[in-house]
Protein backbone atom coordinates (compact mmCIF):
# COMPACT_ATOMS: atom_id res chain seq x y z
CA VAL A 1 55.49 16.38 -2.09
CA ALA A 2 54.60 20.09 -2.08
CA ILE A 3 51.14 19.36 -3.50
CA ASP A 4 50.45 16.35 -1.27
CA ILE A 5 51.42 13.64 -3.73
CA PRO A 6 53.04 10.81 -1.75
CA VAL A 7 56.55 10.17 -3.07
CA VAL A 8 58.67 7.02 -2.93
CA ALA A 9 62.16 7.97 -4.08
CA HIS A 10 64.38 5.58 -6.06
CA ILE A 11 68.18 5.75 -5.97
CA GLY A 12 71.07 3.57 -7.04
CA LEU A 13 70.46 1.54 -10.16
CA THR A 14 67.52 3.23 -11.83
CA PRO A 15 66.55 1.15 -14.88
CA GLN A 16 65.23 4.20 -16.73
CA SER A 17 68.79 5.57 -16.64
CA ILE A 18 70.80 2.45 -17.50
CA HIS A 19 72.17 3.89 -20.74
CA ARG A 20 73.73 6.77 -18.82
CA MET A 21 75.03 4.37 -16.17
CA GLY A 22 76.76 2.00 -18.58
CA GLY A 23 74.12 -0.72 -18.38
CA TYR A 24 72.80 -2.76 -15.48
CA ARG A 25 75.70 -2.18 -13.10
CA VAL A 26 75.92 -2.04 -9.33
CA GLN A 27 76.02 1.59 -8.26
CA GLY A 28 77.92 3.06 -5.32
CA LYS A 29 80.91 0.72 -5.34
CA LYS A 30 83.37 3.61 -5.38
CA GLN A 31 83.58 5.82 -2.30
CA GLU A 32 82.62 8.98 -4.19
CA GLN A 33 79.53 7.29 -5.65
CA ALA A 34 78.58 5.86 -2.26
CA GLU A 35 78.78 9.27 -0.61
CA GLN A 36 76.66 10.78 -3.40
CA LEU A 37 73.99 8.09 -2.94
CA LEU A 38 73.95 8.73 0.82
CA GLU A 39 73.54 12.45 0.16
CA ASP A 40 70.78 11.72 -2.38
CA ALA A 41 68.94 9.54 0.13
CA GLN A 42 69.15 12.23 2.80
CA ALA A 43 67.98 14.87 0.32
CA VAL A 44 64.88 12.95 -0.75
CA ALA A 45 64.00 12.23 2.88
CA GLU A 46 64.37 15.91 3.76
CA ALA A 47 62.27 16.82 0.71
CA GLY A 48 59.42 14.75 2.13
CA ALA A 49 59.58 11.35 0.46
CA PHE A 50 57.89 8.78 2.68
CA ALA A 51 60.20 5.91 1.61
CA VAL A 52 63.15 5.26 -0.67
CA VAL A 53 63.90 2.30 -2.94
CA LEU A 54 67.57 1.33 -2.89
CA GLU A 55 68.33 -0.67 -6.04
CA GLY A 56 71.52 -2.39 -7.11
CA ILE A 57 73.84 -1.01 -4.45
CA PRO A 58 76.30 -2.78 -2.13
CA GLN A 59 74.66 -4.22 0.97
CA GLY A 60 76.95 -2.32 3.34
CA LEU A 61 75.99 0.99 1.74
CA ALA A 62 72.29 0.08 1.88
CA ALA A 63 72.59 -0.72 5.59
CA ARG A 64 74.41 2.57 6.18
CA ILE A 65 71.72 4.55 4.33
CA THR A 66 68.98 2.68 6.22
CA ALA A 67 70.60 3.48 9.57
CA THR A 68 70.91 7.15 8.62
CA LEU A 69 67.36 7.78 7.42
CA SER A 70 64.17 8.23 9.42
CA ILE A 71 62.05 6.90 6.51
CA PRO A 72 61.83 3.24 5.42
CA THR A 73 64.16 1.83 2.81
CA ILE A 74 63.02 -0.85 0.38
CA GLY A 75 65.76 -2.94 -1.17
CA ILE A 76 65.93 -4.57 -4.57
CA GLY A 77 69.39 -6.01 -4.99
CA ALA A 78 70.62 -4.07 -1.96
CA GLY A 79 71.03 -6.79 0.66
CA ALA A 80 69.27 -7.60 3.92
CA GLY A 81 70.02 -4.30 5.68
CA CYS A 82 67.00 -2.48 4.25
CA ASP A 83 63.71 -2.09 6.08
CA GLY A 84 61.83 -4.05 3.40
CA GLN A 85 62.39 -6.01 0.21
CA VAL A 86 60.81 -6.05 -3.25
CA LEU A 87 61.39 -8.12 -6.37
CA VAL A 88 59.77 -8.22 -9.79
CA ILE A 89 57.10 -10.94 -9.77
CA HIS A 90 58.12 -12.20 -13.24
CA ASP A 91 61.61 -12.89 -11.92
CA ILE A 92 60.64 -14.79 -8.76
CA LEU A 93 58.06 -16.87 -10.62
CA GLY A 94 60.54 -17.82 -13.35
CA LEU A 95 58.57 -16.35 -16.24
CA CYS A 96 61.68 -15.28 -18.16
CA GLU A 97 63.58 -18.13 -19.75
CA LYS A 98 67.14 -16.84 -19.72
CA TYR A 99 67.61 -13.62 -17.77
CA SER A 100 67.69 -13.54 -14.00
CA PRO A 101 69.49 -10.82 -12.04
CA LYS A 102 72.02 -12.01 -9.44
CA PHE A 103 69.90 -10.68 -6.59
CA VAL A 104 66.79 -12.65 -7.60
CA LYS A 105 65.88 -15.97 -6.07
CA ARG A 106 63.52 -17.95 -8.28
CA TYR A 107 60.79 -19.49 -6.17
CA ALA A 108 59.14 -21.27 -9.11
CA ASP A 109 59.64 -22.04 -12.78
CA LEU A 110 56.21 -21.23 -14.17
CA ARG A 111 57.19 -20.36 -17.73
CA GLU A 112 56.59 -23.86 -19.10
CA THR A 113 53.41 -24.34 -17.08
CA MET A 114 51.97 -21.03 -18.30
CA THR A 115 52.98 -21.71 -21.90
CA ALA A 116 51.27 -25.11 -21.79
CA ALA A 117 48.11 -23.58 -20.29
CA VAL A 118 47.92 -20.87 -22.97
CA ASN A 119 48.54 -23.41 -25.73
CA SER A 120 45.73 -25.61 -24.34
CA TYR A 121 43.39 -22.61 -24.30
CA ILE A 122 44.25 -21.72 -27.91
CA ALA A 123 43.72 -25.31 -29.04
CA GLU A 124 40.33 -25.54 -27.29
CA VAL A 125 39.14 -22.25 -28.78
CA LYS A 126 40.20 -23.37 -32.27
CA THR A 127 38.43 -26.74 -31.94
CA GLY A 128 35.33 -25.26 -30.32
CA ALA A 129 35.81 -27.16 -27.07
CA PHE A 130 35.91 -23.81 -25.22
CA PRO A 131 33.76 -22.11 -24.24
CA GLY A 132 31.25 -24.83 -23.44
CA ASP A 133 27.84 -24.53 -21.86
CA GLU A 134 29.36 -24.64 -18.38
CA HIS A 135 31.36 -21.47 -19.20
CA SER A 136 28.46 -19.59 -20.80
CA PHE A 137 25.40 -17.74 -19.50
CA ASN A 138 21.87 -18.88 -20.39
């Protein structure tokens, strides 16, 4: 912030810190944790962040933080009370076979479709069917 680099802060469940947090666990369920997250959000806003990502926190806490801050909040697993929402594209498109976080809604199941397309491509390259003249420059 001090050298004019725009900053989006990230609080709550921070995947880079999951080993310290005991795994992928909702953060801020206990009152003490919730108060700390509220303080953290206020601190990053005061430090000059232009937005804050709230990840994996109870929806009531996210709404409270959003109401308190003058900067936008972006929720990922933080309920509808944030100013905006974000999800990982691989999750909403159903690219992972088994894992899907509770807060993700799958809008498609593209894993099988993509696998079939890649397998078709590989087969055509191996047989020489691709690339053909129509996919080549003359």
